[in-house]
PDB file of all heavy atoms in Angstrom:
ATOM      1  N   SER A   1       0.824  -1.214   0.000  1.00  0.00           N
ATOM      2  CA  SER A   1       0.000   0.000   0.000  1.00  0.00           C
ATOM      3  C   SER A   1       0.854   1.258   0.000  1.00  0.00           C
ATOM      4  O   SER A   1       0.324   2.364   0.081  1.00  0.00           O
ATOM      5  CB  SER A   1      -0.925   0.002   1.224  1.00  0.00           C
ATOM      6  OG  SER A   1      -0.161  -0.015   2.422  1.00  0.00           O
ATOM      7  N   GLY A   2       2.184   1.109  -0.086  1.00  0.00           N
ATOM      8  CA  GLY A   2       3.076   2.254  -0.104  1.00  0.00           C
ATOM      9  C   GLY A   2       3.107   2.934  -1.461  1.00  0.00           C
ATOM     10  O   GLY A   2       2.594   2.406  -2.455  1.00  0.00           O
ATOM     11  N   PRO A   3       3.714   4.124  -1.553  1.00  0.00           N
ATOM     12  CA  PRO A   3       3.698   4.902  -2.791  1.00  0.00           C
ATOM     13  C   PRO A   3       4.263   4.159  -3.996  1.00  0.00           C
ATOM     14  O   PRO A   3       3.671   4.183  -5.077  1.00  0.00           O
ATOM     15  CB  PRO A   3       4.539   6.133  -2.443  1.00  0.00           C
ATOM     16  CG  PRO A   3       4.471   6.253  -0.969  1.00  0.00           C
ATOM     17  CD  PRO A   3       4.369   4.859  -0.451  1.00  0.00           C
ATOM     18  N   PHE A   4       5.421   3.496  -3.836  1.00  0.00           N
ATOM     19  CA  PHE A   4       6.020   2.835  -4.988  1.00  0.00           C
ATOM     20  C   PHE A   4       5.143   1.696  -5.495  1.00  0.00           C
ATOM     21  O   PHE A   4       4.960   1.527  -6.711  1.00  0.00           O
ATOM     22  CB  PHE A   4       7.410   2.311  -4.632  1.00  0.00           C
ATOM     23  CG  PHE A   4       8.070   1.589  -5.777  1.00  0.00           C
ATOM     24  CD1 PHE A   4       8.575   2.292  -6.855  1.00  0.00           C
ATOM     25  CD2 PHE A   4       8.169   0.199  -5.777  1.00  0.00           C
ATOM     26  CE1 PHE A   4       9.173   1.628  -7.925  1.00  0.00           C
ATOM     27  CE2 PHE A   4       8.762  -0.467  -6.838  1.00  0.00           C
ATOM     28  CZ  PHE A   4       9.268   0.248  -7.909  1.00  0.00           C
ATOM     29  N   ALA A   5       4.590   0.908  -4.588  1.00  0.00           N
ATOM     30  CA  ALA A   5       3.714  -0.190  -5.002  1.00  0.00           C
ATOM     31  C   ALA A   5       2.457   0.330  -5.676  1.00  0.00           C
ATOM     32  O   ALA A   5       1.982  -0.248  -6.667  1.00  0.00           O
ATOM     33  CB  ALA A   5       3.354  -1.047  -3.793  1.00  0.00           C
ATOM     34  N   LEU A   6       1.899   1.431  -5.180  1.00  0.00           N
ATOM     35  CA  LEU A   6       0.710   2.008  -5.806  1.00  0.00           C
ATOM     36  C   LEU A   6       1.004   2.431  -7.239  1.00  0.00           C
ATOM     37  O   LEU A   6       0.202   2.210  -8.154  1.00  0.00           O
ATOM     38  CB  LEU A   6       0.224   3.212  -4.994  1.00  0.00           C
ATOM     39  CG  LEU A   6      -0.347   2.913  -3.609  1.00  0.00           C
ATOM     40  CD1 LEU A   6      -0.653   4.220  -2.876  1.00  0.00           C
ATOM     41  CD2 LEU A   6      -1.608   2.058  -3.714  1.00  0.00           C
ATOM     42  N   LEU A   7       2.164   3.045  -7.450  1.00  0.00           N
ATOM     43  CA  LEU A   7       2.541   3.476  -8.786  1.00  0.00           C
ATOM     44  C   LEU A   7       2.782   2.286  -9.707  1.00  0.00           C
ATOM     45  O   LEU A   7       2.290   2.236 -10.838  1.00  0.00           O
ATOM     46  CB  LEU A   7       3.811   4.327  -8.721  1.00  0.00           C
ATOM     47  CG  LEU A   7       3.719   5.675  -8.021  1.00  0.00           C
ATOM     48  CD1 LEU A   7       5.117   6.242  -7.807  1.00  0.00           C
ATOM     49  CD2 LEU A   7       2.880   6.650  -8.826  1.00  0.00           C
ATOM     50  N   GLY A   8       3.561   1.317  -9.201  1.00  0.00           N
ATOM     51  CA  GLY A   8       3.975   0.194 -10.029  1.00  0.00           C
ATOM     52  C   GLY A   8       2.847  -0.743 -10.402  1.00  0.00           C
ATOM     53  O   GLY A   8       2.965  -1.494 -11.384  1.00  0.00           O
ATOM     54  N   THR A   9       1.752  -0.737  -9.643  1.00  0.00           N
ATOM     55  CA  THR A   9       0.599  -1.564  -9.987  1.00  0.00           C
ATOM     56  C   THR A   9      -0.432  -0.788 -10.807  1.00  0.00           C
ATOM     57  O   THR A   9      -1.042  -1.328 -11.720  1.00  0.00           O
ATOM     58  CB  THR A   9      -0.071  -2.124  -8.723  1.00  0.00           C
ATOM     59  OG1 THR A   9      -0.381  -1.054  -7.824  1.00  0.00           O
ATOM     60  CG2 THR A   9       0.848  -3.106  -8.012  1.00  0.00           C
ATOM     61  N   THR A  10      -0.622   0.484 -10.478  1.00  0.00           N
ATOM     62  CA  THR A  10      -1.634   1.275 -11.191  1.00  0.00           C
ATOM     63  C   THR A  10      -1.230   1.512 -12.635  1.00  0.00           C
ATOM     64  O   THR A  10      -2.073   1.437 -13.548  1.00  0.00           O
ATOM     65  CB  THR A  10      -1.868   2.616 -10.485  1.00  0.00           C
ATOM     66  OG1 THR A  10      -2.273   2.381  -9.137  1.00  0.00           O
ATOM     67  CG2 THR A  10      -2.949   3.421 -11.197  1.00  0.00           C
ATOM     68  N   TRP A  11       0.051   1.824 -12.883  1.00  0.00           N
ATOM     69  CA  TRP A  11       0.467   2.130 -14.258  1.00  0.00           C
ATOM     70  C   TRP A  11       0.100   0.995 -15.225  1.00  0.00           C
ATOM     71  O   TRP A  11      -0.567   1.233 -16.236  1.00  0.00           O
ATOM     72  CB  TRP A  11       1.963   2.434 -14.304  1.00  0.00           C
ATOM     73  CG  TRP A  11       2.330   3.305 -15.477  1.00  0.00           C
ATOM     74  CD1 TRP A  11       2.567   4.637 -15.480  1.00  0.00           C
ATOM     75  CD2 TRP A  11       2.495   2.879 -16.847  1.00  0.00           C
ATOM     76  NE1 TRP A  11       2.861   5.080 -16.758  1.00  0.00           N
ATOM     77  CE2 TRP A  11       2.819   4.009 -17.615  1.00  0.00           C
ATOM     78  CE3 TRP A  11       2.381   1.652 -17.491  1.00  0.00           C
ATOM     79  CZ2 TRP A  11       3.045   3.962 -18.991  1.00  0.00           C
ATOM     80  CZ3 TRP A  11       2.593   1.591 -18.868  1.00  0.00           C
ATOM     81  CH2 TRP A  11       2.919   2.734 -19.595  1.00  0.00           C
ATOM     82  N   PRO A  12       0.503  -0.252 -14.984  1.00  0.00           N
ATOM     83  CA  PRO A  12       0.149  -1.301 -15.946  1.00  0.00           C
ATOM     84  C   PRO A  12      -1.341  -1.623 -15.988  1.00  0.00           C
ATOM     85  O   PRO A  12      -1.851  -2.047 -17.027  1.00  0.00           O
ATOM     86  CB  PRO A  12       0.972  -2.506 -15.486  1.00  0.00           C
ATOM     87  CG  PRO A  12       1.249  -2.257 -14.048  1.00  0.00           C
ATOM     88  CD  PRO A  12       1.381  -0.774 -13.915  1.00  0.00           C
ATOM     89  N   GLU A  13      -2.048  -1.429 -14.880  1.00  0.00           N
ATOM     90  CA  GLU A  13      -3.481  -1.692 -14.893  1.00  0.00           C
ATOM     91  C   GLU A  13      -4.215  -0.702 -15.790  1.00  0.00           C
ATOM     92  O   GLU A  13      -5.199  -1.052 -16.437  1.00  0.00           O
ATOM     93  CB  GLU A  13      -4.041  -1.636 -13.475  1.00  0.00           C
ATOM     94  CG  GLU A  13      -3.656  -2.837 -12.623  1.00  0.00           C
ATOM     95  CD  GLU A  13      -4.142  -2.704 -11.194  1.00  0.00           C
ATOM     96  OE1 GLU A  13      -4.979  -1.821 -10.928  1.00  0.00           O
ATOM     97  OE2 GLU A  13      -3.680  -3.469 -10.335  1.00  0.00           O
ATOM     98  N   VAL A  14      -3.737   0.522 -15.844  1.00  0.00           N
ATOM     99  CA  VAL A  14      -4.381   1.545 -16.669  1.00  0.00           C
ATOM    100  C   VAL A  14      -3.859   1.511 -18.104  1.00  0.00           C
ATOM    101  O   VAL A  14      -4.631   1.611 -19.063  1.00  0.00           O
ATOM    102  CB  VAL A  14      -4.175   2.946 -16.062  1.00  0.00           C
ATOM    103  CG1 VAL A  14      -4.711   4.031 -17.002  1.00  0.00           C
ATOM    104  CG2 VAL A  14      -4.857   3.044 -14.703  1.00  0.00           C
ATOM    105  N   TYR A  15      -2.542   1.368 -18.266  1.00  0.00           N
ATOM    106  CA  TYR A  15      -1.924   1.553 -19.576  1.00  0.00           C
ATOM    107  C   TYR A  15      -1.422   0.278 -20.235  1.00  0.00           C
ATOM    108  O   TYR A  15      -0.895   0.328 -21.344  1.00  0.00           O
ATOM    109  CB  TYR A  15      -0.744   2.529 -19.448  1.00  0.00           C
ATOM    110  CG  TYR A  15      -1.158   3.900 -18.989  1.00  0.00           C
ATOM    111  CD1 TYR A  15      -0.725   4.397 -17.771  1.00  0.00           C
ATOM    112  CD2 TYR A  15      -1.992   4.687 -19.762  1.00  0.00           C
ATOM    113  CE1 TYR A  15      -1.106   5.656 -17.336  1.00  0.00           C
ATOM    114  CE2 TYR A  15      -2.376   5.939 -19.338  1.00  0.00           C
ATOM    115  CZ  TYR A  15      -1.930   6.426 -18.128  1.00  0.00           C
ATOM    116  OH  TYR A  15      -2.320   7.669 -17.711  1.00  0.00           O
ATOM    117  N   GLY A  16      -1.553  -0.859 -19.581  1.00  0.00           N
ATOM    118  CA  GLY A  16      -1.080  -2.089 -20.185  1.00  0.00           C
ATOM    119  C   GLY A  16       0.309  -2.462 -19.702  1.00  0.00           C
ATOM    120  O   GLY A  16       0.956  -1.707 -18.982  1.00  0.00           O
ATOM    121  N   PRO A  17       0.805  -3.623 -20.114  1.00  0.00           N
ATOM    122  CA  PRO A  17       2.082  -4.120 -19.575  1.00  0.00           C
ATOM    123  C   PRO A  17       3.260  -3.240 -19.957  1.00  0.00           C
ATOM    124  O   PRO A  17       3.310  -2.666 -21.043  1.00  0.00           O
ATOM    125  CB  PRO A  17       2.212  -5.517 -20.196  1.00  0.00           C
ATOM    126  CG  PRO A  17       1.356  -5.467 -21.418  1.00  0.00           C
ATOM    127  CD  PRO A  17       0.216  -4.561 -21.076  1.00  0.00           C
ATOM    128  N   LYS A  18       4.194  -3.144 -19.021  1.00  0.00           N
ATOM    129  CA  LYS A  18       5.428  -2.406 -19.271  1.00  0.00           C
ATOM    130  C   LYS A  18       6.382  -3.267 -20.083  1.00  0.00           C
ATOM    131  O   LYS A  18       6.317  -4.487 -20.042  1.00  0.00           O
ATOM    132  CB  LYS A  18       6.062  -2.011 -17.937  1.00  0.00           C
ATOM    133  CG  LYS A  18       5.195  -1.064 -17.113  1.00  0.00           C
ATOM    134  CD  LYS A  18       5.632  -1.000 -15.673  1.00  0.00           C
ATOM    135  CE  LYS A  18       5.193  -2.212 -14.886  1.00  0.00           C
ATOM    136  NZ  LYS A  18       5.345  -2.057 -13.450  1.00  0.00           N
ATOM    137  N   GLY A  19       7.272  -2.618 -20.825  1.00  0.00           N
ATOM    138  CA  GLY A  19       8.203  -3.360 -21.644  1.00  0.00           C
ATOM    139  C   GLY A  19       9.545  -3.558 -20.984  1.00  0.00           C
ATOM    140  O   GLY A  19       9.995  -4.683 -20.764  1.00  0.00           O
ATOM    141  N   TYR A  20      10.216  -2.473 -20.638  1.00  0.00           N
ATOM    142  CA  TYR A  20      11.551  -2.568 -20.071  1.00  0.00           C
ATOM    143  C   TYR A  20      11.862  -1.291 -19.323  1.00  0.00           C
ATOM    144  O   TYR A  20      11.105  -0.307 -19.362  1.00  0.00           O
ATOM    145  CB  TYR A  20      12.599  -2.804 -21.170  1.00  0.00           C
ATOM    146  CG  TYR A  20      12.712  -1.679 -22.169  1.00  0.00           C
ATOM    147  CD1 TYR A  20      13.657  -0.668 -22.006  1.00  0.00           C
ATOM    148  CD2 TYR A  20      11.885  -1.614 -23.279  1.00  0.00           C
ATOM    149  CE1 TYR A  20      13.768   0.381 -22.908  1.00  0.00           C
ATOM    150  CE2 TYR A  20      11.986  -0.576 -24.192  1.00  0.00           C
ATOM    151  CZ  TYR A  20      12.924   0.410 -24.012  1.00  0.00           C
ATOM    152  OH  TYR A  20      13.023   1.439 -24.907  1.00  0.00           O
ATOM    153  N   GLY A  21      12.978  -1.292 -18.649  1.00  0.00           N
ATOM    154  CA  GLY A  21      13.470  -0.124 -17.934  1.00  0.00           C
ATOM    155  C   GLY A  21      14.909  -0.393 -17.541  1.00  0.00           C
ATOM    156  O   GLY A  21      15.489  -1.424 -17.927  1.00  0.00           O
ATOM    157  N   PHE A  22      15.492   0.500 -16.764  1.00  0.00           N
ATOM    158  CA  PHE A  22      16.894   0.370 -16.380  1.00  0.00           C
ATOM    159  C   PHE A  22      17.079   0.678 -14.892  1.00  0.00           C
ATOM    160  O   PHE A  22      17.860   1.544 -14.517  1.00  0.00           O
ATOM    161  CB  PHE A  22      17.761   1.301 -17.228  1.00  0.00           C
ATOM    162  CG  PHE A  22      17.653   1.034 -18.700  1.00  0.00           C
ATOM    163  CD1 PHE A  22      16.716   1.703 -19.469  1.00  0.00           C
ATOM    164  CD2 PHE A  22      18.468   0.097 -19.302  1.00  0.00           C
ATOM    165  CE1 PHE A  22      16.601   1.454 -20.828  1.00  0.00           C
ATOM    166  CE2 PHE A  22      18.366  -0.159 -20.662  1.00  0.00           C
ATOM    167  CZ  PHE A  22      17.427   0.519 -21.423  1.00  0.00           C
ATOM    168  N   PRO A  23      16.361  -0.039 -14.015  1.00  0.00           N
ATOM    169  CA  PRO A  23      16.532   0.225 -12.586  1.00  0.00           C
ATOM    170  C   PRO A  23      17.860  -0.315 -12.076  1.00  0.00           C
ATOM    171  O   PRO A  23      18.412  -1.281 -12.620  1.00  0.00           O
ATOM    172  CB  PRO A  23      15.355  -0.532 -11.949  1.00  0.00           C
ATOM    173  CG  PRO A  23      15.099  -1.664 -12.899  1.00  0.00           C
ATOM    174  CD  PRO A  23      15.366  -1.102 -14.268  1.00  0.00           C
ATOM    175  N   THR A  24      18.372   0.321 -11.044  1.00  0.00           N
ATOM    176  CA  THR A  24      19.559  -0.226 -10.380  1.00  0.00           C
ATOM    177  C   THR A  24      19.177  -1.528  -9.681  1.00  0.00           C
ATOM    178  O   THR A  24      17.998  -1.831  -9.467  1.00  0.00           O
ATOM    179  CB  THR A  24      20.112   0.755  -9.348  1.00  0.00           C
ATOM    180  OG1 THR A  24      19.122   0.949  -8.316  1.00  0.00           O
ATOM    181  CG2 THR A  24      20.456   2.096  -9.986  1.00  0.00           C
ATOM    182  N   ASP A  25      20.192  -2.281  -9.310  1.00  0.00           N
ATOM    183  CA  ASP A  25      19.955  -3.553  -8.644  1.00  0.00           C
ATOM    184  C   ASP A  25      19.115  -3.365  -7.380  1.00  0.00           C
ATOM    185  O   ASP A  25      18.184  -4.124  -7.115  1.00  0.00           O
ATOM    186  CB  ASP A  25      21.299  -4.203  -8.296  1.00  0.00           C
ATOM    187  CG  ASP A  25      21.128  -5.545  -7.609  1.00  0.00           C
ATOM    188  OD1 ASP A  25      20.879  -6.534  -8.316  1.00  0.00           O
ATOM    189  OD2 ASP A  25      21.229  -5.598  -6.364  1.00  0.00           O
ATOM    190  N   ARG A  26      19.406  -2.302  -6.614  1.00  0.00           N
ATOM    191  CA  ARG A  26      18.674  -2.068  -5.364  1.00  0.00           C
ATOM    192  C   ARG A  26      17.203  -1.774  -5.628  1.00  0.00           C
ATOM    193  O   ARG A  26      16.317  -2.324  -4.964  1.00  0.00           O
ATOM    194  CB  ARG A  26      19.313  -0.904  -4.596  1.00  0.00           C
ATOM    195  CG  ARG A  26      18.642  -0.618  -3.254  1.00  0.00           C
ATOM    196  CD  ARG A  26      19.430   0.417  -2.472  1.00  0.00           C
ATOM    197  NE  ARG A  26      19.419   1.712  -3.119  1.00  0.00           N
ATOM    198  CZ  ARG A  26      18.446   2.626  -2.932  1.00  0.00           C
ATOM    199  NH1 ARG A  26      17.428   2.354  -2.122  1.00  0.00           N
ATOM    200  NH2 ARG A  26      18.498   3.789  -3.528  1.00  0.00           N
ATOM    201  N   HIS A  27      16.928  -0.907  -6.604  1.00  0.00           N
ATOM    202  CA  HIS A  27      15.538  -0.572  -6.905  1.00  0.00           C
ATOM    203  C   HIS A  27      14.796  -1.760  -7.511  1.00  0.00           C
ATOM    204  O   HIS A  27      13.594  -1.960  -7.260  1.00  0.00           O
ATOM    205  CB  HIS A  27      15.479   0.632  -7.842  1.00  0.00           C
ATOM    206  CG  HIS A  27      15.888   1.911  -7.191  1.00  0.00           C
ATOM    207  ND1 HIS A  27      17.082   2.527  -7.462  1.00  0.00           N
ATOM    208  CD2 HIS A  27      15.272   2.683  -6.271  1.00  0.00           C
ATOM    209  CE1 HIS A  27      17.177   3.632  -6.738  1.00  0.00           C
ATOM    210  NE2 HIS A  27      16.093   3.741  -6.000  1.00  0.00           N
ATOM    211  N   PHE A  28      15.507  -2.555  -8.313  1.00  0.00           N
ATOM    212  CA  PHE A  28      14.867  -3.733  -8.881  1.00  0.00           C
ATOM    213  C   PHE A  28      14.447  -4.705  -7.790  1.00  0.00           C
ATOM    214  O   PHE A  28      13.351  -5.275  -7.845  1.00  0.00           O
ATOM    215  CB  PHE A  28      15.823  -4.424  -9.859  1.00  0.00           C
ATOM    216  CG  PHE A  28      15.270  -5.713 -10.396  1.00  0.00           C
ATOM    217  CD1 PHE A  28      14.446  -5.718 -11.503  1.00  0.00           C
ATOM    218  CD2 PHE A  28      15.557  -6.925  -9.772  1.00  0.00           C
ATOM    219  CE1 PHE A  28      13.918  -6.912 -11.988  1.00  0.00           C
ATOM    220  CE2 PHE A  28      15.036  -8.114 -10.244  1.00  0.00           C
ATOM    221  CZ  PHE A  28      14.209  -8.111 -11.364  1.00  0.00           C
ATOM    222  N   ARG A  29      15.312  -4.891  -6.796  1.00  0.00           N
ATOM    223  CA  ARG A  29      14.992  -5.848  -5.725  1.00  0.00           C
ATOM    224  C   ARG A  29      13.736  -5.433  -4.974  1.00  0.00           C
ATOM    225  O   ARG A  29      12.944  -6.285  -4.545  1.00  0.00           O
ATOM    226  CB  ARG A  29      16.172  -5.978  -4.762  1.00  0.00           C
ATOM    227  CG  ARG A  29      17.466  -6.470  -5.378  1.00  0.00           C
ATOM    228  CD  ARG A  29      17.328  -7.813  -6.032  1.00  0.00           C
ATOM    229  NE  ARG A  29      18.562  -8.222  -6.698  1.00  0.00           N
ATOM    230  CZ  ARG A  29      18.632  -9.173  -7.617  1.00  0.00           C
ATOM    231  NH1 ARG A  29      17.526  -9.818  -7.969  1.00  0.00           N
ATOM    232  NH2 ARG A  29      19.779  -9.470  -8.198  1.00  0.00           N
ATOM    233  N   VAL A  30      13.550  -4.137  -4.784  1.00  0.00           N
ATOM    234  CA  VAL A  30      12.340  -3.650  -4.116  1.00  0.00           C
ATOM    235  C   VAL A  30      11.111  -4.028  -4.935  1.00  0.00           C
ATOM    236  O   VAL A  30      10.120  -4.568  -4.411  1.00  0.00           O
ATOM    237  CB  VAL A  30      12.407  -2.133  -3.908  1.00  0.00           C
ATOM    238  CG1 VAL A  30      11.067  -1.604  -3.403  1.00  0.00           C
ATOM    239  CG2 VAL A  30      13.509  -1.773  -2.921  1.00  0.00           C
ATOM    240  N   ALA A  31      11.158  -3.741  -6.250  1.00  0.00           N
ATOM    241  CA  ALA A  31      10.019  -4.052  -7.114  1.00  0.00           C
ATOM    242  C   ALA A  31       9.777  -5.554  -7.210  1.00  0.00           C
ATOM    243  O   ALA A  31       8.628  -6.012  -7.260  1.00  0.00           O
ATOM    244  CB  ALA A  31      10.256  -3.464  -8.503  1.00  0.00           C
ATOM    245  N   GLU A  32      10.855  -6.326  -7.219  1.00  0.00           N
ATOM    246  CA  GLU A  32      10.726  -7.777  -7.274  1.00  0.00           C
ATOM    247  C   GLU A  32      10.038  -8.305  -6.020  1.00  0.00           C
ATOM    248  O   GLU A  32       9.152  -9.176  -6.094  1.00  0.00           O
ATOM    249  CB  GLU A  32      12.113  -8.394  -7.431  1.00  0.00           C
ATOM    250  CG  GLU A  32      12.110  -9.900  -7.608  1.00  0.00           C
ATOM    251  CD  GLU A  32      13.513 -10.445  -7.754  1.00  0.00           C
ATOM    252  OE1 GLU A  32      14.409 -10.038  -6.965  1.00  0.00           O
ATOM    253  OE2 GLU A  32      13.735 -11.280  -8.647  1.00  0.00           O
ATOM    254  N   LYS A  33      10.415  -7.766  -4.874  1.00  0.00           N
ATOM    255  CA  LYS A  33       9.817  -8.199  -3.609  1.00  0.00           C
ATOM    256  C   LYS A  33       8.330  -7.877  -3.558  1.00  0.00           C
ATOM    257  O   LYS A  33       7.534  -8.631  -2.978  1.00  0.00           O
ATOM    258  CB  LYS A  33      10.543  -7.523  -2.446  1.00  0.00           C
ATOM    259  CG  LYS A  33      10.063  -7.972  -1.075  1.00  0.00           C
ATOM    260  CD  LYS A  33      10.876  -7.317   0.031  1.00  0.00           C
ATOM    261  CE  LYS A  33      10.396  -7.771   1.407  1.00  0.00           C
ATOM    262  NZ  LYS A  33      11.189  -7.138   2.502  1.00  0.00           N
TER     263      LYS A  33
END
């Protein structure tokens, strides 16, 4: 329910699946979790 999770779930629900990006290892691990 935190800000990053709200963003990362709402974007694909509204606009469709994401293709790619270039997150750092640390930021990727957060999104993966």
